[in-house]
Each structure stands twice: as structure tokens, then as C-alpha cells.
N, C-alpha and C. Protein backbone atom coordinates (compact mmCIF):
# COMPACT_ATOMS: atom_id res chain seq x y z
N MET A 1 6.03 -115.16 28.09
CA MET A 1 6.15 -113.77 28.50
C MET A 1 5.79 -113.53 26.63
N ASN A 2 5.47 -112.34 26.61
CA ASN A 2 4.39 -111.81 25.37
C ASN A 2 6.01 -110.85 24.65
N LYS A 3 6.40 -111.17 23.60
CA LYS A 3 7.29 -110.49 22.80
C LYS A 3 7.14 -109.06 22.58
N GLN A 4 5.74 -108.83 22.34
CA GLN A 4 5.48 -107.48 22.03
C GLN A 4 6.19 -106.42 23.97
N VAL A 5 5.68 -107.18 24.67
CA VAL A 5 6.28 -106.73 25.94
C VAL A 5 7.80 -106.52 26.12
N THR A 6 8.36 -107.77 25.60
CA THR A 6 10.14 -107.73 26.33
C THR A 6 10.18 -106.72 25.03
N ASP A 7 10.34 -106.50 23.69
CA ASP A 7 10.28 -105.99 22.86
C ASP A 7 10.14 -104.37 23.45
N PHE A 8 9.03 -103.91 23.71
CA PHE A 8 9.08 -102.40 24.49
C PHE A 8 9.84 -102.38 25.64
N ILE A 9 10.13 -102.90 26.85
CA ILE A 9 11.26 -102.72 27.81
C ILE A 9 12.40 -102.86 27.30
N SER A 10 12.67 -103.80 26.40
CA SER A 10 14.28 -103.53 25.62
C SER A 10 14.82 -102.06 25.24
N ARG A 11 13.26 -101.35 24.81
CA ARG A 11 13.80 -100.13 24.14
C ARG A 11 13.24 -98.79 25.35
N ALA A 12 13.27 -99.16 26.18
CA ALA A 12 12.76 -98.24 27.31
C ALA A 12 14.17 -97.58 27.64
N PRO A 13 14.32 -96.32 28.47
CA PRO A 13 15.51 -95.60 29.24
C PRO A 13 16.24 -96.64 30.26
N GLU A 14 17.39 -96.55 30.02
CA GLU A 14 18.25 -97.03 31.10
C GLU A 14 17.70 -96.20 32.26
N GLY A 15 17.48 -97.54 33.75
CA GLY A 15 16.47 -97.36 34.67
C GLY A 15 15.46 -97.26 34.36
N HIS A 16 14.60 -97.09 33.72
CA HIS A 16 12.92 -97.67 33.71
C HIS A 16 13.15 -99.09 32.77
N LYS A 17 13.80 -99.53 32.50
CA LYS A 17 14.08 -101.17 31.72
C LYS A 17 14.27 -101.96 33.13
N GLU A 18 15.15 -101.51 34.20
CA GLU A 18 15.18 -102.00 35.02
C GLU A 18 13.79 -102.36 35.99
N ILE A 19 13.09 -101.23 36.28
CA ILE A 19 11.94 -101.05 36.73
C ILE A 19 10.95 -102.12 36.26
N LEU A 20 10.86 -101.76 34.99
CA LEU A 20 10.22 -102.38 34.16
C LEU A 20 10.36 -103.86 34.38
N ASP A 21 11.26 -104.28 34.70
CA ASP A 21 12.24 -105.76 34.29
C ASP A 21 11.51 -106.55 36.02
N GLU A 22 11.83 -105.50 36.75
CA GLU A 22 11.59 -106.07 37.94
C GLU A 22 10.25 -106.00 38.51
N VAL A 23 9.34 -105.41 38.27
CA VAL A 23 7.68 -105.29 38.37
C VAL A 23 7.44 -106.54 37.31
N ARG A 24 7.71 -106.35 36.15
CA ARG A 24 7.11 -107.88 35.81
C ARG A 24 7.54 -109.41 36.47
N ALA A 25 8.64 -109.51 36.55
CA ALA A 25 9.03 -110.26 37.45
C ALA A 25 8.15 -110.49 38.12
N MET A 26 7.96 -109.98 39.45
CA MET A 26 7.23 -110.26 40.41
C MET A 26 6.05 -110.40 39.94
N VAL A 27 5.47 -109.70 38.96
CA VAL A 27 4.61 -110.15 38.72
C VAL A 27 4.23 -111.65 38.45
N HIS A 28 4.95 -112.13 37.59
CA HIS A 28 4.72 -113.48 37.34
C HIS A 28 5.19 -114.71 38.43
N ALA A 29 6.14 -114.25 39.30
CA ALA A 29 6.23 -114.80 40.61
C ALA A 29 5.44 -115.40 41.23
N HIS A 30 4.60 -113.95 41.55
CA HIS A 30 3.08 -114.38 42.39
C HIS A 30 2.00 -114.67 42.35
N ILE A 31 1.67 -114.28 40.81
CA ILE A 31 0.34 -115.13 40.25
C ILE A 31 0.83 -115.52 39.02
N LYS A 32 0.34 -117.19 39.14
CA LYS A 32 0.76 -117.80 38.41
C LYS A 32 0.59 -117.41 37.19
N GLU A 33 -1.15 -117.74 37.23
CA GLU A 33 -1.70 -117.47 35.79
C GLU A 33 -1.95 -116.50 35.10
N VAL A 34 -1.19 -115.34 35.76
CA VAL A 34 -1.11 -114.17 34.62
C VAL A 34 -0.60 -114.42 33.16
N HIS A 35 -1.44 -113.18 32.62
CA HIS A 35 -1.52 -112.77 30.99
C HIS A 35 -1.11 -111.64 30.96
N GLU A 36 -0.13 -111.13 30.18
CA GLU A 36 0.59 -110.01 29.87
C GLU A 36 -0.03 -109.85 28.76
N SER A 37 0.17 -108.43 28.26
CA SER A 37 -0.23 -107.96 26.99
C SER A 37 0.15 -106.43 26.68
N PHE A 38 0.05 -106.06 25.30
CA PHE A 38 0.54 -104.50 25.24
C PHE A 38 -0.41 -104.03 24.39
N LYS A 39 -1.22 -102.81 25.42
CA LYS A 39 -2.23 -102.30 24.34
C LYS A 39 -2.26 -100.79 25.20
N TRP A 40 -2.69 -99.85 24.65
CA TRP A 40 -2.96 -98.48 25.15
C TRP A 40 -1.35 -97.85 25.24
N ARG A 41 -0.15 -98.17 24.24
CA ARG A 41 0.75 -97.77 24.82
C ARG A 41 1.63 -98.25 26.35
N ARG A 42 0.92 -99.41 26.68
CA ARG A 42 1.61 -99.63 27.94
C ARG A 42 1.64 -101.26 28.31
N ILE A 43 2.05 -101.76 29.36
CA ILE A 43 2.00 -103.17 29.54
C ILE A 43 1.07 -103.21 30.89
N VAL A 44 -0.14 -104.52 30.19
CA VAL A 44 -1.33 -104.23 30.94
C VAL A 44 -1.45 -106.14 31.21
N PHE A 45 -1.54 -106.20 32.28
CA PHE A 45 -1.63 -107.34 33.02
C PHE A 45 -3.05 -107.92 33.81
N SER A 46 -3.41 -109.15 33.14
CA SER A 46 -4.69 -109.89 33.68
C SER A 46 -4.90 -111.32 34.17
N LEU A 47 -5.93 -111.46 34.60
CA LEU A 47 -5.77 -112.58 35.09
C LEU A 47 -7.56 -113.25 35.02
N ASN A 48 -7.46 -114.27 34.70
CA ASN A 48 -8.82 -114.66 34.27
C ASN A 48 -9.68 -113.82 33.72
N GLY A 49 -8.93 -112.91 32.72
CA GLY A 49 -9.83 -111.90 31.78
C GLY A 49 -9.79 -110.84 32.36
N LYS A 50 -9.26 -110.83 33.75
CA LYS A 50 -9.83 -108.94 34.27
C LYS A 50 -8.49 -108.93 34.22
N GLU A 51 -8.44 -107.30 33.85
CA GLU A 51 -7.05 -106.47 34.19
C GLU A 51 -7.26 -106.08 35.21
N PHE A 52 -5.49 -106.18 36.11
CA PHE A 52 -5.59 -106.28 37.53
C PHE A 52 -4.46 -104.96 37.40
N LEU A 53 -3.36 -104.85 36.19
CA LEU A 53 -2.30 -103.75 36.60
C LEU A 53 -1.72 -103.34 35.16
N TYR A 54 -1.16 -102.25 35.23
CA TYR A 54 -0.57 -101.77 34.19
C TYR A 54 1.37 -101.04 34.71
N LEU A 55 1.88 -101.00 33.36
CA LEU A 55 3.20 -100.42 33.75
C LEU A 55 3.21 -99.33 32.52
N ARG A 56 3.07 -98.32 32.84
CA ARG A 56 3.58 -97.34 31.86
C ARG A 56 4.85 -96.40 32.00
N ASP A 57 5.20 -96.34 30.75
CA ASP A 57 6.65 -95.83 30.83
C ASP A 57 6.48 -94.37 30.69
N ALA A 58 6.60 -93.06 31.63
CA ALA A 58 6.65 -91.76 31.10
C ALA A 58 8.18 -91.50 31.03
N SER A 59 8.08 -90.10 30.93
CA SER A 59 9.83 -89.52 30.38
C SER A 59 10.49 -89.66 31.95
N LYS A 60 9.75 -89.76 32.99
CA LYS A 60 10.38 -89.31 33.87
C LYS A 60 10.47 -90.60 35.18
N TYR A 61 9.49 -90.95 34.83
CA TYR A 61 9.02 -92.05 35.90
C TYR A 61 8.32 -93.34 34.91
N VAL A 62 7.99 -94.76 35.95
CA VAL A 62 7.68 -95.59 35.69
C VAL A 62 6.29 -95.52 36.29
N ALA A 63 5.19 -95.66 35.56
CA ALA A 63 4.05 -95.84 36.46
C ALA A 63 3.41 -97.36 36.63
N VAL A 64 2.80 -98.00 38.40
CA VAL A 64 2.72 -98.76 38.20
C VAL A 64 1.35 -98.61 38.89
N GLY A 65 0.46 -99.02 38.05
CA GLY A 65 -1.23 -98.73 37.73
C GLY A 65 -2.02 -100.19 38.14
N PHE A 66 -3.34 -99.34 38.94
CA PHE A 66 -3.97 -100.81 39.50
C PHE A 66 -5.21 -100.08 39.12
N PHE A 67 -6.08 -101.30 37.96
CA PHE A 67 -7.48 -100.92 37.43
C PHE A 67 -8.70 -100.93 38.99
N ASP A 68 -7.82 -101.65 39.63
CA ASP A 68 -8.90 -101.83 40.73
C ASP A 68 -8.56 -101.51 42.40
N SER A 69 -7.98 -100.36 42.39
CA SER A 69 -7.42 -100.61 43.74
C SER A 69 -8.39 -99.87 45.01
N SER A 70 -9.29 -100.25 45.14
CA SER A 70 -10.10 -100.06 46.19
C SER A 70 -10.19 -101.04 47.02
N LYS A 71 -9.60 -102.34 46.74
CA LYS A 71 -9.16 -103.15 47.57
C LYS A 71 -7.79 -103.37 48.59
N LEU A 72 -7.02 -102.05 48.00
CA LEU A 72 -5.45 -101.97 48.56
C LEU A 72 -5.37 -101.07 49.64
N LYS A 73 -4.91 -101.19 50.55
CA LYS A 73 -4.50 -100.60 51.69
C LYS A 73 -3.05 -99.57 51.74
N ASP A 74 -3.15 -98.62 51.43
CA ASP A 74 -1.90 -97.63 51.37
C ASP A 74 -1.77 -96.66 52.72
N PRO A 75 -1.21 -97.59 53.39
CA PRO A 75 -0.93 -96.60 54.87
C PRO A 75 0.16 -95.84 54.47
N GLN A 76 1.12 -95.83 53.61
CA GLN A 76 2.47 -95.21 53.03
C GLN A 76 2.65 -93.57 52.07
N LYS A 77 0.71 -93.97 51.65
CA LYS A 77 0.22 -93.04 50.47
C LYS A 77 1.40 -92.96 49.39
N LEU A 78 1.79 -94.49 49.14
CA LEU A 78 1.96 -94.59 47.90
C LEU A 78 1.56 -94.51 46.49
N LEU A 79 -0.13 -94.43 46.48
CA LEU A 79 -0.62 -94.29 45.13
C LEU A 79 -1.05 -92.93 45.34
N GLU A 80 -1.39 -92.49 44.09
CA GLU A 80 -2.13 -91.36 43.58
C GLU A 80 -3.62 -92.10 42.80
N ALA A 81 -3.99 -91.31 43.10
CA ALA A 81 -5.39 -91.68 42.26
C ALA A 81 -5.87 -91.24 41.35
N SER A 82 -6.17 -91.82 39.78
CA SER A 82 -6.35 -91.08 38.80
C SER A 82 -7.92 -92.02 38.40
N GLY A 83 -8.75 -91.68 39.35
CA GLY A 83 -10.42 -92.16 39.33
C GLY A 83 -10.80 -92.32 40.49
N GLU A 84 -12.24 -92.73 40.38
CA GLU A 84 -12.65 -93.42 41.33
C GLU A 84 -12.24 -94.85 42.07
N GLU A 85 -11.72 -95.80 40.81
CA GLU A 85 -11.24 -97.03 41.26
C GLU A 85 -9.80 -96.99 40.82
N MET A 86 -9.57 -96.48 39.85
CA MET A 86 -7.85 -96.37 39.56
C MET A 86 -6.82 -95.52 40.22
N SER A 87 -5.71 -96.40 40.60
CA SER A 87 -4.28 -95.20 41.22
C SER A 87 -3.21 -95.63 40.74
N HIS A 88 -1.98 -95.61 41.09
CA HIS A 88 -1.14 -95.78 40.33
C HIS A 88 -0.06 -95.03 41.24
N MET A 89 1.28 -95.81 41.28
CA MET A 89 2.42 -95.13 42.07
C MET A 89 3.57 -94.87 40.69
N LYS A 90 4.14 -93.74 41.34
CA LYS A 90 5.43 -93.35 40.24
C LYS A 90 6.72 -93.76 40.83
N ILE A 91 7.53 -94.31 40.11
CA ILE A 91 8.71 -95.05 40.47
C ILE A 91 9.66 -94.15 39.66
N LYS A 92 10.96 -93.44 39.92
CA LYS A 92 11.85 -92.80 39.37
C LYS A 92 12.84 -93.78 39.03
N ARG A 93 13.52 -94.58 39.95
CA ARG A 93 14.08 -95.49 40.60
C ARG A 93 14.45 -96.21 40.88
N LEU A 94 14.81 -97.45 40.56
CA LEU A 94 14.53 -99.20 41.48
C LEU A 94 14.23 -99.22 42.36
N THR A 95 15.21 -98.40 42.88
CA THR A 95 15.19 -97.96 44.94
C THR A 95 14.36 -97.33 45.48
N ASP A 96 13.16 -96.77 44.98
CA ASP A 96 11.82 -96.23 45.18
C ASP A 96 10.95 -97.81 44.90
N LEU A 97 10.96 -98.42 44.56
CA LEU A 97 10.39 -99.23 44.78
C LEU A 97 10.01 -100.17 45.57
N ASP A 98 8.70 -100.20 46.67
CA ASP A 98 8.19 -100.92 47.68
C ASP A 98 8.15 -102.36 46.90
N LYS A 99 9.37 -102.95 47.63
CA LYS A 99 8.80 -104.55 46.77
C LYS A 99 7.85 -105.01 48.13
N PRO A 100 8.04 -105.38 49.09
CA PRO A 100 7.34 -105.82 50.06
C PRO A 100 5.54 -105.38 49.85
N GLN A 101 5.77 -104.12 49.87
CA GLN A 101 4.03 -103.83 49.68
C GLN A 101 3.74 -104.11 48.16
N LEU A 102 4.09 -103.72 46.86
CA LEU A 102 3.75 -104.28 46.17
C LEU A 102 3.35 -105.89 45.74
N LYS A 103 4.24 -106.60 46.69
CA LYS A 103 3.91 -108.19 46.34
C LYS A 103 2.17 -108.27 47.47
N GLU A 104 2.98 -107.29 48.58
CA GLU A 104 1.23 -107.99 49.23
C GLU A 104 0.13 -107.17 48.32
N TRP A 105 0.35 -106.14 47.90
CA TRP A 105 -0.92 -105.92 46.67
C TRP A 105 -1.20 -106.90 45.27
N LEU A 106 -0.05 -107.63 45.03
CA LEU A 106 -0.27 -108.39 43.93
C LEU A 106 -0.96 -109.98 44.60
N GLU A 107 -0.69 -110.09 45.81
CA GLU A 107 -1.66 -111.26 46.61
C GLU A 107 -2.98 -110.52 46.83
N ILE A 108 -3.21 -109.62 46.98
CA ILE A 108 -4.65 -109.07 47.61
C ILE A 108 -5.38 -109.23 45.97
N LEU A 109 -4.79 -108.99 44.69
CA LEU A 109 -5.50 -108.56 43.44
C LEU A 109 -5.72 -109.89 42.91
N ALA A 110 -4.54 -110.85 43.42
CA ALA A 110 -5.11 -112.35 42.73
C ALA A 110 -5.84 -113.06 43.50
N ASN A 111 -6.54 -112.66 44.31
CA ASN A 111 -7.71 -113.31 44.78
C ASN A 111 -9.00 -112.71 45.04
């Protein structure tokens, strides 16, 4: 794991740390060859050189963003679009994180 990412998470506000840690752990658990970096003031995950997910710590939530969300089905309307291909979901508390849905999306993005 990337030290710069670890340091960033350690400085995040309480509540956000838990979200960042949980999503990071899920990404590493479900995508074995994942690479993480810290750029644009956010955590960025890539696979085979292609960025697919980012985590941004905002003041009131953590954004879990997808670079190519066109592949993702979102029946619960968890995603907010920020462009034609990019979407994100806002997580205010760890209990807001739909882990089964995120796992499904990670599996789609890893293939």
C-alpha cells in the first residue's frame, strides 16, 4: 500500500477515516493487481495503468468516484453523475456504504 495514501487517511476527520479505510480495504481485497496513488488531492486506484476509482475526502462526506461508470448498473440510484462517463456516490457515515453494491461494481470494473 502507498504511504502517501496511508498518511492522507490518517489525517482525515473521524468518521471519514473509517470510510476511506473500508473502501480501500475492499478495493485491495477484490482486485489483486490494483495500484493506488495520491493525486489531485484524492486517492486514485488503477488497474493495468487505467484509473477506475477515486476517493475524495470532502467536508461533509467521502466521495467514492468511478472514472467509467457507464458499465455500472445503479438500480438504487446511489450514483451522481459528474460527466458522461464519471459518477460518484457520497458517503456521510460508514453505515451508508452499500458494501454488496460496491463489491459488485468493483468486480465489474476489474474485468
